[in-house]
Amino acid sequence: MADLWFYADGGQRRGPMPISELVTLLSRIADPRRVLVRRHGVENWTPAGEVHEIAQQLLQSPPPDPASPPVEVIREPAIPAEDAAAFKNVQPEPTGISGWLGLLAFGQVIGTMRLVVSIAQYVQSISDDVWAVFSIEIRGEIALNGALICLAIWTTVLLFIQSRRFPAFFIAQMICALLIPVIDRVWIASIFSVALNRPFTDFLAVGPAEVGRMIVGVISAAVWIPYVLRSRRVANTFTE
């Protein structure tokens, strides 16, 4: 992940932002070397003039053209270096795969592995006679669950590369995990009803184990979807 920076502005922390944007902001200030800055993940504040990579770029930055009207008026973040101690108690923004996000990551990995094993066991349990009679139906069922597996694997990849697309894919995965078993049940019930000339409702019976899995899925979605949408850790972690 690219380096992100904060700067002190009237007692408030501004950022995070890439170093190029930070240098642009500082270059518009009369005395930028006294402005307190810190790198994302580092707690100590340091005057910009004492940070080599920032000071070097400030020296290379041309002064703004006085004839050109300023695009944006920026108030100087005038925080003297001697007041840096006041910022030592400022808590850094939570980031990284830890805390509740670490628990989500653990569940994502374990859930994906269990899904793969469950589908593999289901396919192995199908007898040759059933394959011969209902091959199209079974292939459709496997395709549905295979698509869910692919979605779960890709979502896991996005999680660990800290992609900004992870939250959207995770929510889509949670919704699909609730809908696909229902679609699968309706699909199989429809096929069996036509093939055996029996009422559709005869094949919609759901066992206690399936009901339990559905309840767990609904509870998981109700907990983790709001978390992903509202968590500051999620917002700070998935930025690539």
Protein backbone atom coordinates (compact mmCIF):
# COMPACT_ATOMS: atom_id res chain seq x y z
CA MET A 1 0.00 0.00 0.00
CA ALA A 2 1.35 3.47 -0.93
CA ASP A 3 2.55 5.71 1.92
CA LEU A 4 -0.17 7.93 3.32
CA TRP A 5 0.42 11.06 5.40
CA PHE A 6 -1.37 13.34 7.84
CA TYR A 7 -0.70 16.98 8.73
CA ALA A 8 -1.79 19.12 11.70
CA ASP A 9 -4.27 21.87 10.96
CA GLY A 10 -5.38 24.08 13.84
CA GLY A 11 -5.30 21.24 16.35
CA GLN A 12 -7.00 18.83 13.93
CA ARG A 13 -5.46 15.99 11.98
CA ARG A 14 -5.98 16.15 8.20
CA GLY A 15 -5.56 13.19 5.89
CA PRO A 16 -4.68 10.54 5.03
CA MET A 17 -3.24 11.59 1.66
CA PRO A 18 -0.35 10.60 -0.61
CA ILE A 19 2.91 12.46 -0.19
CA SER A 20 2.51 14.22 -3.55
CA GLU A 21 -0.76 15.80 -2.39
CA LEU A 22 0.76 16.69 0.98
CA VAL A 23 3.72 18.45 -0.67
CA THR A 24 1.34 20.38 -2.93
CA LEU A 25 -0.62 21.61 0.09
CA LEU A 26 2.50 22.53 2.04
CA SER A 27 4.02 24.39 -0.91
CA ARG A 28 1.17 26.93 -0.70
CA ILE A 29 2.03 27.82 2.91
CA ALA A 30 4.43 30.62 3.85
CA ASP A 31 6.49 28.49 6.25
CA PRO A 32 5.72 24.85 5.41
CA ARG A 33 8.79 23.44 7.18
CA ARG A 34 7.19 24.12 10.61
CA VAL A 35 3.97 22.22 9.85
CA LEU A 36 3.69 18.97 11.81
CA VAL A 37 3.32 15.82 9.73
CA ARG A 38 3.37 12.10 10.30
CA ARG A 39 3.29 8.98 8.20
CA HIS A 40 0.28 6.62 8.35
CA GLY A 41 0.95 4.03 11.06
CA VAL A 42 3.49 6.23 12.92
CA GLU A 43 2.32 7.98 16.10
CA ASN A 44 4.98 10.74 16.43
CA TRP A 45 4.49 14.13 14.76
CA THR A 46 7.51 15.76 13.11
CA PRO A 47 8.02 19.19 11.51
CA ALA A 48 7.91 18.82 7.73
CA GLY A 49 11.35 20.38 7.40
CA GLU A 50 12.85 17.47 9.37
CA VAL A 51 11.32 14.77 7.15
CA HIS A 52 13.82 14.17 4.37
CA GLU A 53 11.47 13.06 1.60
CA ILE A 54 9.10 15.97 2.23
CA ALA A 55 11.79 18.64 2.72
CA GLN A 56 13.52 17.56 -0.49
CA GLN A 57 10.33 17.87 -2.52
CA LEU A 58 9.49 21.23 -0.93
CA LEU A 59 12.85 22.57 -2.09
CA GLN A 60 12.17 21.31 -5.61
CA SER A 61 8.62 22.68 -5.77
CA PRO A 62 8.42 26.00 -7.66
CA PRO A 63 6.67 28.88 -5.85
CA PRO A 64 3.08 29.51 -6.97
CA ASP A 65 2.58 32.03 -9.75
CA PRO A 66 1.37 35.27 -8.11
CA ALA A 67 -0.40 36.25 -11.32
CA SER A 68 -2.53 33.14 -11.27
CA PRO A 69 -5.58 33.17 -8.99
CA PRO A 70 -5.37 30.44 -6.35
CA VAL A 71 -7.51 27.43 -7.07
CA GLU A 72 -8.17 26.88 -3.41
CA VAL A 73 -7.63 28.96 -0.30
CA ILE A 74 -5.92 26.87 2.34
CA ARG A 75 -5.59 28.09 5.90
CA GLU A 76 -2.10 27.58 7.21
CA PRO A 77 -1.98 24.75 9.73
CA ALA A 78 0.01 26.88 12.15
CA ILE A 79 1.00 24.42 14.86
CA PRO A 80 4.45 25.24 16.29
CA ALA A 81 6.89 22.38 16.58
CA GLU A 82 7.16 22.97 20.32
CA ASP A 83 3.49 21.98 20.66
CA ALA A 84 4.09 18.57 19.14
CA ALA A 85 3.73 16.93 22.55
CA ALA A 86 0.03 17.78 22.47
CA PHE A 87 -0.41 15.29 19.63
CA LYS A 88 1.20 12.34 21.36
CA ASN A 89 -2.12 11.32 22.86
CA VAL A 90 -3.92 11.37 19.51
CA GLN A 91 -4.87 7.79 18.74
CA PRO A 92 -4.04 6.62 15.19
CA GLU A 93 -6.89 5.57 12.94
CA PRO A 94 -7.47 1.79 13.13
CA THR A 95 -6.17 -0.04 10.08
CA GLY A 96 -5.01 -3.50 9.04
CA ILE A 97 -6.56 -6.95 9.28
CA SER A 98 -6.95 -7.24 13.03
CA GLY A 99 -9.65 -6.80 15.66
CA TRP A 100 -13.13 -7.54 14.33
CA LEU A 101 -11.79 -7.43 10.78
CA GLY A 102 -9.39 -10.20 11.70
CA LEU A 103 -12.34 -12.28 12.91
CA LEU A 104 -14.13 -11.60 9.62
CA ALA A 105 -11.02 -12.67 7.69
CA PHE A 106 -10.79 -15.91 9.67
CA GLY A 107 -14.45 -16.67 8.99
CA GLN A 108 -14.02 -15.86 5.30
CA VAL A 109 -11.16 -18.34 4.91
CA ILE A 110 -12.79 -21.11 6.95
CA GLY A 111 -16.17 -20.57 5.28
CA THR A 112 -14.66 -20.80 1.80
CA MET A 113 -12.82 -24.01 2.68
CA ARG A 114 -15.98 -25.56 4.17
CA LEU A 115 -17.95 -24.62 1.08
CA VAL A 116 -15.43 -26.32 -1.22
CA VAL A 117 -15.36 -29.48 0.94
CA SER A 118 -19.18 -29.57 1.18
CA ILE A 119 -19.67 -29.37 -2.59
CA ALA A 120 -16.95 -31.98 -3.19
CA GLN A 121 -18.61 -34.38 -0.75
CA TYR A 122 -22.01 -33.79 -2.35
CA VAL A 123 -20.70 -34.59 -5.83
CA GLN A 124 -19.01 -37.77 -4.60
CA SER A 125 -22.23 -38.92 -2.91
CA ILE A 126 -24.24 -38.92 -6.16
CA SER A 127 -24.70 -42.43 -7.50
CA ASP A 128 -24.23 -43.37 -11.15
CA ASP A 129 -27.96 -44.07 -11.50
CA VAL A 130 -28.88 -40.60 -10.31
CA TRP A 131 -26.29 -39.06 -12.60
CA ALA A 132 -27.74 -40.96 -15.55
CA VAL A 133 -31.32 -39.83 -14.91
CA PHE A 134 -30.78 -36.27 -13.63
CA SER A 135 -27.42 -35.29 -15.16
CA ILE A 136 -28.64 -31.90 -16.47
CA GLU A 137 -30.28 -31.01 -13.18
CA ILE A 138 -27.25 -31.98 -11.12
CA ARG A 139 -24.91 -30.07 -13.43
CA GLY A 140 -27.06 -26.98 -12.99
CA GLU A 141 -26.93 -27.37 -9.23
CA ILE A 142 -23.15 -27.80 -9.28
CA ALA A 143 -22.80 -24.74 -11.52
CA LEU A 144 -24.73 -22.60 -9.02
CA ASN A 145 -22.59 -23.70 -6.11
CA GLY A 146 -19.42 -23.51 -8.21
CA ALA A 147 -20.20 -19.87 -8.96
CA LEU A 148 -20.57 -19.21 -5.23
CA ILE A 149 -17.21 -20.90 -4.56
CA CYS A 150 -15.51 -18.75 -7.22
CA LEU A 151 -17.06 -15.62 -5.72
CA ALA A 152 -15.90 -16.60 -2.22
CA ILE A 153 -12.34 -17.32 -3.39
CA TRP A 154 -12.09 -14.04 -5.28
CA THR A 155 -13.50 -12.13 -2.30
CA THR A 156 -10.85 -13.76 -0.09
CA VAL A 157 -8.12 -12.64 -2.51
CA LEU A 158 -9.46 -9.06 -2.45
CA LEU A 159 -9.48 -9.22 1.36
CA PHE A 160 -5.80 -10.07 1.69
CA ILE A 161 -4.56 -7.68 -1.00
CA GLN A 162 -6.62 -4.99 0.78
CA SER A 163 -8.45 -3.98 -2.37
CA ARG A 164 -11.07 -1.22 -2.19
CA ARG A 165 -13.39 -3.60 -4.06
CA PHE A 166 -13.49 -6.06 -1.15
CA PRO A 167 -16.48 -4.54 0.72
CA ALA A 168 -18.73 -4.65 -2.38
CA PHE A 169 -17.74 -8.23 -3.24
CA PHE A 170 -18.11 -9.35 0.38
CA ILE A 171 -21.66 -7.97 0.55
CA ALA A 172 -22.48 -9.64 -2.78
CA GLN A 173 -21.10 -12.92 -1.45
CA MET A 174 -23.20 -12.72 1.72
CA ILE A 175 -26.35 -12.08 -0.30
CA CYS A 176 -25.57 -14.88 -2.77
CA ALA A 177 -24.88 -17.28 0.10
CA LEU A 178 -28.46 -16.65 1.29
CA LEU A 179 -30.14 -16.79 -2.12
CA ILE A 180 -28.35 -19.66 -3.88
CA PRO A 181 -29.56 -22.41 -1.49
CA VAL A 182 -33.15 -21.17 -2.02
CA ILE A 183 -32.70 -21.07 -5.81
CA ASP A 184 -31.09 -24.51 -5.69
CA ARG A 185 -34.01 -25.95 -3.69
CA VAL A 186 -36.59 -24.49 -6.09
CA TRP A 187 -34.61 -25.74 -9.10
CA ILE A 188 -34.40 -29.32 -7.83
CA ALA A 189 -38.03 -29.35 -6.66
CA SER A 190 -39.20 -28.18 -10.09
CA ILE A 191 -37.21 -30.84 -11.93
CA PHE A 192 -38.30 -33.68 -9.65
CA SER A 193 -41.92 -32.52 -9.76
CA VAL A 194 -41.98 -32.69 -13.56
CA ALA A 195 -39.95 -35.91 -13.81
CA LEU A 196 -41.96 -37.82 -11.22
CA ASN A 197 -45.33 -36.16 -11.88
CA ARG A 198 -45.77 -35.20 -8.27
CA PRO A 199 -46.73 -31.88 -6.63
CA PHE A 200 -43.99 -29.26 -6.51
CA THR A 201 -44.42 -28.81 -2.75
CA ASP A 202 -43.51 -32.45 -2.10
CA PHE A 203 -39.88 -31.61 -2.80
CA LEU A 204 -39.62 -28.36 -0.87
CA ALA A 205 -39.24 -29.97 2.53
CA VAL A 206 -36.26 -28.54 4.42
CA GLY A 207 -34.54 -30.48 7.19
CA PRO A 208 -33.52 -29.03 10.57
CA ALA A 209 -29.87 -28.89 9.52
CA GLU A 210 -30.69 -26.77 6.48
CA VAL A 211 -32.92 -24.49 8.53
CA GLY A 212 -30.09 -24.04 11.01
CA ARG A 213 -27.65 -23.13 8.25
CA MET A 214 -30.12 -20.60 6.85
CA ILE A 215 -30.57 -18.98 10.27
CA VAL A 216 -26.81 -18.77 10.76
CA GLY A 217 -26.47 -17.21 7.29
CA VAL A 218 -29.10 -14.56 8.03
CA ILE A 219 -27.51 -13.69 11.38
CA SER A 220 -24.05 -13.50 9.80
CA ALA A 221 -25.30 -11.18 7.06
CA ALA A 222 -27.11 -9.00 9.62
CA VAL A 223 -23.87 -8.62 11.62
CA TRP A 224 -21.13 -8.38 9.01
CA ILE A 225 -22.77 -6.33 6.25
CA PRO A 226 -23.39 -3.31 8.55
CA TYR A 227 -19.89 -3.75 9.99
CA VAL A 228 -18.26 -3.61 6.55
CA LEU A 229 -20.33 -0.55 5.60
CA ARG A 230 -19.67 1.44 8.79
CA SER A 231 -16.30 0.33 10.16
CA ARG A 232 -13.49 2.90 10.15
CA ARG A 233 -10.95 0.07 10.12
CA VAL A 234 -12.50 -1.30 6.92
CA ALA A 235 -12.51 2.16 5.32
CA ASN A 236 -8.84 2.74 6.27
CA THR A 237 -7.63 -0.74 5.27
CA PHE A 238 -9.16 -1.30 1.84
CA THR A 239 -7.67 1.60 -0.11
CA GLU A 240 -5.73 -0.03 -2.95
